[in-house]
N, C-alpha and C. Protein backbone atom coordinates (compact mmCIF):
# COMPACT_ATOMS: atom_id res chain seq x y z
N MET A 1 23.00 -26.02 -40.79
CA MET A 1 22.70 -25.35 -39.53
C MET A 1 24.01 -24.85 -38.93
N ASN A 2 24.09 -23.58 -38.67
CA ASN A 2 25.29 -22.96 -38.13
C ASN A 2 25.16 -22.86 -36.61
N ILE A 3 25.89 -23.72 -35.91
CA ILE A 3 25.81 -23.78 -34.44
C ILE A 3 26.29 -22.47 -33.81
N ALA A 4 27.36 -21.90 -34.33
CA ALA A 4 27.89 -20.66 -33.78
C ALA A 4 26.86 -19.54 -33.87
N LYS A 5 26.16 -19.48 -35.01
CA LYS A 5 25.14 -18.45 -35.20
C LYS A 5 23.99 -18.67 -34.22
N MET A 6 23.58 -19.93 -34.05
CA MET A 6 22.51 -20.24 -33.12
C MET A 6 22.89 -19.87 -31.68
N MET A 7 24.14 -20.15 -31.30
CA MET A 7 24.61 -19.83 -29.96
C MET A 7 24.61 -18.31 -29.74
N LYS A 8 25.03 -17.58 -30.77
CA LYS A 8 25.05 -16.13 -30.67
C LYS A 8 23.63 -15.58 -30.51
N GLN A 9 22.68 -16.14 -31.28
CA GLN A 9 21.29 -15.72 -31.17
C GLN A 9 20.74 -16.04 -29.78
N ALA A 10 21.08 -17.20 -29.25
CA ALA A 10 20.61 -17.61 -27.93
C ALA A 10 21.16 -16.67 -26.86
N GLN A 11 22.43 -16.29 -26.98
CA GLN A 11 23.02 -15.38 -26.01
C GLN A 11 22.36 -14.01 -26.07
N LYS A 12 22.07 -13.54 -27.29
CA LYS A 12 21.41 -12.25 -27.44
C LYS A 12 20.01 -12.30 -26.84
N MET A 13 19.29 -13.40 -27.11
CA MET A 13 17.95 -13.53 -26.57
C MET A 13 17.99 -13.57 -25.04
N GLN A 14 18.97 -14.26 -24.48
CA GLN A 14 19.10 -14.33 -23.03
C GLN A 14 19.36 -12.93 -22.45
N SER A 15 20.20 -12.18 -23.11
CA SER A 15 20.50 -10.82 -22.68
C SER A 15 19.25 -9.94 -22.79
N ASP A 16 18.53 -10.07 -23.91
CA ASP A 16 17.31 -9.30 -24.12
C ASP A 16 16.25 -9.65 -23.07
N MET A 17 16.16 -10.92 -22.72
CA MET A 17 15.18 -11.36 -21.73
C MET A 17 15.52 -10.79 -20.35
N ALA A 18 16.78 -10.79 -20.00
CA ALA A 18 17.19 -10.24 -18.71
C ALA A 18 16.85 -8.75 -18.64
N LYS A 19 17.12 -8.04 -19.75
CA LYS A 19 16.79 -6.62 -19.81
C LYS A 19 15.28 -6.42 -19.69
N MET A 20 14.51 -7.24 -20.38
CA MET A 20 13.06 -7.14 -20.35
C MET A 20 12.52 -7.39 -18.94
N GLN A 21 13.09 -8.36 -18.24
CA GLN A 21 12.65 -8.65 -16.88
C GLN A 21 12.90 -7.45 -15.96
N GLU A 22 14.03 -6.78 -16.16
CA GLU A 22 14.32 -5.58 -15.37
C GLU A 22 13.29 -4.49 -15.67
N GLU A 23 12.97 -4.33 -16.95
CA GLU A 23 11.99 -3.32 -17.35
C GLU A 23 10.60 -3.65 -16.80
N LEU A 24 10.24 -4.92 -16.81
CA LEU A 24 8.93 -5.34 -16.30
C LEU A 24 8.80 -5.07 -14.80
N ALA A 25 9.90 -5.21 -14.09
CA ALA A 25 9.88 -4.94 -12.65
C ALA A 25 9.59 -3.46 -12.37
N GLU A 26 9.87 -2.61 -13.36
CA GLU A 26 9.63 -1.17 -13.22
C GLU A 26 8.22 -0.77 -13.64
N LYS A 27 7.56 -1.58 -14.47
CA LYS A 27 6.21 -1.27 -14.94
C LYS A 27 5.20 -1.67 -13.88
N GLU A 28 4.24 -0.80 -13.64
CA GLU A 28 3.27 -1.05 -12.58
C GLU A 28 1.85 -1.23 -13.10
N VAL A 29 1.07 -1.98 -12.35
CA VAL A 29 -0.36 -2.11 -12.59
C VAL A 29 -1.07 -1.63 -11.34
N ASP A 30 -2.18 -0.94 -11.54
CA ASP A 30 -2.98 -0.44 -10.42
C ASP A 30 -4.37 -1.07 -10.49
N ILE A 31 -4.77 -1.69 -9.41
CA ILE A 31 -6.07 -2.35 -9.33
C ILE A 31 -6.89 -1.68 -8.24
N SER A 32 -8.16 -1.48 -8.53
CA SER A 32 -9.07 -0.90 -7.56
C SER A 32 -10.29 -1.82 -7.46
N VAL A 33 -10.63 -2.24 -6.25
CA VAL A 33 -11.79 -3.11 -6.04
C VAL A 33 -12.69 -2.50 -4.96
N GLY A 34 -13.91 -2.98 -4.92
CA GLY A 34 -14.84 -2.50 -3.91
C GLY A 34 -15.16 -1.03 -4.06
N GLY A 35 -15.29 -0.59 -5.31
CA GLY A 35 -15.60 0.81 -5.55
C GLY A 35 -14.48 1.73 -5.12
N GLY A 36 -13.25 1.25 -5.20
CA GLY A 36 -12.09 2.06 -4.84
C GLY A 36 -11.71 1.97 -3.38
N LYS A 37 -12.41 1.13 -2.63
CA LYS A 37 -12.13 1.01 -1.19
C LYS A 37 -10.81 0.29 -0.91
N VAL A 38 -10.40 -0.59 -1.84
CA VAL A 38 -9.11 -1.28 -1.71
C VAL A 38 -8.36 -1.09 -3.02
N GLN A 39 -7.13 -0.62 -2.91
CA GLN A 39 -6.28 -0.40 -4.09
C GLN A 39 -5.00 -1.20 -3.92
N VAL A 40 -4.63 -1.89 -5.00
CA VAL A 40 -3.43 -2.71 -4.99
C VAL A 40 -2.54 -2.30 -6.15
N LYS A 41 -1.27 -2.11 -5.86
CA LYS A 41 -0.29 -1.78 -6.89
C LYS A 41 0.67 -2.95 -7.01
N GLY A 42 0.88 -3.42 -8.25
CA GLY A 42 1.80 -4.51 -8.50
C GLY A 42 2.71 -4.14 -9.65
N ASN A 43 3.58 -5.09 -10.03
CA ASN A 43 4.46 -4.83 -11.17
C ASN A 43 4.48 -6.02 -12.13
N GLY A 44 5.20 -5.85 -13.22
CA GLY A 44 5.28 -6.88 -14.25
C GLY A 44 6.08 -8.10 -13.83
N ALA A 45 6.72 -8.03 -12.68
CA ALA A 45 7.45 -9.19 -12.16
C ALA A 45 6.55 -10.05 -11.27
N GLY A 46 5.27 -9.66 -11.17
CA GLY A 46 4.33 -10.43 -10.35
C GLY A 46 4.41 -10.12 -8.87
N GLU A 47 5.02 -9.00 -8.52
CA GLU A 47 5.14 -8.63 -7.12
C GLU A 47 4.05 -7.63 -6.73
N VAL A 48 3.54 -7.76 -5.52
CA VAL A 48 2.60 -6.78 -4.97
C VAL A 48 3.45 -5.74 -4.26
N LEU A 49 3.29 -4.48 -4.68
CA LEU A 49 4.12 -3.41 -4.15
C LEU A 49 3.46 -2.61 -3.02
N GLU A 50 2.14 -2.51 -3.10
CA GLU A 50 1.45 -1.64 -2.14
C GLU A 50 -0.03 -2.00 -2.07
N ILE A 51 -0.58 -1.91 -0.87
CA ILE A 51 -2.02 -2.10 -0.68
C ILE A 51 -2.52 -0.92 0.15
N LYS A 52 -3.56 -0.27 -0.34
CA LYS A 52 -4.18 0.84 0.38
C LYS A 52 -5.63 0.46 0.67
N ILE A 53 -6.06 0.69 1.91
CA ILE A 53 -7.41 0.34 2.33
C ILE A 53 -8.08 1.59 2.90
N ASP A 54 -9.24 1.92 2.35
CA ASP A 54 -10.04 3.04 2.85
C ASP A 54 -10.57 2.65 4.23
N PRO A 55 -10.34 3.48 5.25
CA PRO A 55 -10.83 3.14 6.60
C PRO A 55 -12.33 2.88 6.65
N ALA A 56 -13.09 3.41 5.70
CA ALA A 56 -14.54 3.19 5.71
C ALA A 56 -14.92 1.74 5.51
N VAL A 57 -14.02 0.94 4.92
CA VAL A 57 -14.33 -0.46 4.66
C VAL A 57 -13.88 -1.37 5.82
N VAL A 58 -13.21 -0.79 6.80
CA VAL A 58 -12.75 -1.57 7.95
C VAL A 58 -13.88 -1.65 8.97
N ASP A 59 -14.53 -2.79 8.99
CA ASP A 59 -15.67 -3.02 9.88
C ASP A 59 -15.37 -4.28 10.71
N PRO A 60 -15.14 -4.12 12.01
CA PRO A 60 -14.82 -5.28 12.85
C PRO A 60 -15.89 -6.36 12.81
N ASP A 61 -17.11 -5.98 12.44
CA ASP A 61 -18.19 -6.96 12.38
C ASP A 61 -18.29 -7.65 11.03
N ASP A 62 -17.49 -7.20 10.07
CA ASP A 62 -17.52 -7.81 8.73
C ASP A 62 -16.10 -7.91 8.16
N VAL A 63 -15.25 -8.62 8.86
CA VAL A 63 -13.86 -8.80 8.44
C VAL A 63 -13.79 -9.56 7.12
N GLU A 64 -14.72 -10.45 6.87
CA GLU A 64 -14.71 -11.25 5.65
C GLU A 64 -14.78 -10.39 4.40
N LEU A 65 -15.55 -9.31 4.44
CA LEU A 65 -15.64 -8.42 3.28
C LEU A 65 -14.27 -7.84 2.96
N LEU A 66 -13.59 -7.35 3.97
CA LEU A 66 -12.27 -6.77 3.76
C LEU A 66 -11.29 -7.83 3.25
N GLU A 67 -11.33 -9.01 3.82
CA GLU A 67 -10.46 -10.10 3.36
C GLU A 67 -10.72 -10.41 1.89
N ASP A 68 -11.98 -10.49 1.51
CA ASP A 68 -12.34 -10.79 0.12
C ASP A 68 -11.87 -9.69 -0.83
N LEU A 69 -12.03 -8.43 -0.42
CA LEU A 69 -11.60 -7.32 -1.26
C LEU A 69 -10.08 -7.33 -1.45
N VAL A 70 -9.35 -7.54 -0.37
CA VAL A 70 -7.88 -7.57 -0.47
C VAL A 70 -7.43 -8.74 -1.34
N LEU A 71 -8.00 -9.91 -1.12
CA LEU A 71 -7.64 -11.08 -1.91
C LEU A 71 -7.94 -10.86 -3.39
N SER A 72 -9.09 -10.31 -3.68
CA SER A 72 -9.47 -10.03 -5.07
C SER A 72 -8.49 -9.05 -5.72
N GLY A 73 -8.18 -7.99 -5.01
CA GLY A 73 -7.24 -7.00 -5.55
C GLY A 73 -5.87 -7.58 -5.80
N VAL A 74 -5.37 -8.37 -4.88
CA VAL A 74 -4.04 -8.98 -5.03
C VAL A 74 -4.03 -9.95 -6.22
N LYS A 75 -5.07 -10.78 -6.31
CA LYS A 75 -5.14 -11.72 -7.44
C LYS A 75 -5.16 -10.98 -8.78
N GLN A 76 -5.96 -9.92 -8.87
CA GLN A 76 -6.05 -9.17 -10.12
C GLN A 76 -4.72 -8.49 -10.46
N ALA A 77 -4.04 -7.96 -9.45
CA ALA A 77 -2.74 -7.30 -9.69
C ALA A 77 -1.73 -8.31 -10.21
N ILE A 78 -1.70 -9.49 -9.62
CA ILE A 78 -0.76 -10.52 -10.06
C ILE A 78 -1.11 -10.98 -11.48
N GLU A 79 -2.40 -11.19 -11.75
CA GLU A 79 -2.83 -11.62 -13.09
C GLU A 79 -2.45 -10.59 -14.14
N GLN A 80 -2.69 -9.31 -13.86
CA GLN A 80 -2.35 -8.27 -14.84
C GLN A 80 -0.84 -8.16 -15.02
N GLY A 81 -0.10 -8.32 -13.94
CA GLY A 81 1.36 -8.30 -14.04
C GLY A 81 1.88 -9.45 -14.90
N LYS A 82 1.31 -10.63 -14.71
CA LYS A 82 1.71 -11.80 -15.51
C LYS A 82 1.33 -11.62 -16.97
N ALA A 83 0.14 -11.06 -17.21
CA ALA A 83 -0.30 -10.84 -18.59
C ALA A 83 0.62 -9.84 -19.29
N MET A 84 1.01 -8.79 -18.58
CA MET A 84 1.92 -7.81 -19.14
C MET A 84 3.26 -8.47 -19.46
N SER A 85 3.74 -9.30 -18.55
CA SER A 85 5.00 -10.00 -18.75
C SER A 85 4.93 -10.94 -19.95
N ALA A 86 3.86 -11.71 -20.06
CA ALA A 86 3.71 -12.65 -21.17
C ALA A 86 3.67 -11.92 -22.51
N GLU A 87 2.98 -10.79 -22.53
CA GLU A 87 2.89 -10.02 -23.77
C GLU A 87 4.27 -9.49 -24.19
N GLU A 88 5.01 -8.95 -23.23
CA GLU A 88 6.33 -8.39 -23.54
C GLU A 88 7.32 -9.50 -23.93
N MET A 89 7.30 -10.62 -23.23
CA MET A 89 8.20 -11.72 -23.55
C MET A 89 7.84 -12.33 -24.90
N GLY A 90 6.55 -12.35 -25.22
CA GLY A 90 6.11 -12.86 -26.52
C GLY A 90 6.68 -12.05 -27.66
N LYS A 91 6.85 -10.75 -27.45
CA LYS A 91 7.45 -9.90 -28.47
C LYS A 91 8.90 -10.30 -28.74
N LEU A 92 9.60 -10.74 -27.70
CA LEU A 92 11.00 -11.15 -27.87
C LEU A 92 11.13 -12.45 -28.65
N THR A 93 10.21 -13.37 -28.42
CA THR A 93 10.32 -14.70 -29.02
C THR A 93 9.54 -14.84 -30.32
N GLN A 94 8.88 -13.77 -30.74
CA GLN A 94 7.99 -13.81 -31.90
C GLN A 94 8.66 -14.33 -33.17
N GLY A 95 9.83 -13.87 -33.49
CA GLY A 95 10.46 -14.23 -34.75
C GLY A 95 11.35 -15.46 -34.70
N LEU A 96 11.30 -16.21 -33.62
CA LEU A 96 12.22 -17.34 -33.47
C LEU A 96 11.75 -18.61 -34.14
N GLY A 97 10.48 -18.67 -34.51
CA GLY A 97 9.96 -19.87 -35.15
C GLY A 97 9.89 -21.05 -34.20
N LEU A 98 9.60 -20.80 -32.93
CA LEU A 98 9.48 -21.88 -31.96
C LEU A 98 8.18 -22.64 -32.21
N PRO A 99 8.19 -23.94 -31.95
CA PRO A 99 6.96 -24.73 -32.08
C PRO A 99 5.91 -24.23 -31.07
N PRO A 100 4.63 -24.47 -31.36
CA PRO A 100 3.58 -24.07 -30.44
C PRO A 100 3.84 -24.59 -29.02
N GLY A 101 3.64 -23.72 -28.04
CA GLY A 101 3.86 -24.12 -26.65
C GLY A 101 5.27 -23.89 -26.18
N MET A 102 6.18 -23.54 -27.07
CA MET A 102 7.57 -23.35 -26.67
C MET A 102 7.92 -21.89 -26.45
N GLY A 103 6.98 -20.99 -26.69
CA GLY A 103 7.23 -19.57 -26.47
C GLY A 103 7.22 -19.25 -24.99
N PHE A 104 7.54 -18.03 -24.65
CA PHE A 104 7.55 -17.60 -23.25
C PHE A 104 6.33 -16.80 -22.93
């Protein structure tokens, strides 16, 4: 086992991961819920970037509907961002021969 070679590979992987995280922050996911009444934009870093609400869904007598739509949209945006991140990070660690559960 060549420790120097392993250290070099680890440094390259760390550099590649940092680059990938920067790229993921630039990739966006768009979620639409409630028939397009609420739209949420997120990114691969798991951040919510923007929420747009159609004024037609703003009903003072039914605030719960709007709350549910916003919550659903945010959850879906975060989930899709995380899934995109996991897929991209998995590509980086694919050839490393890590034991099950040790991948990113």
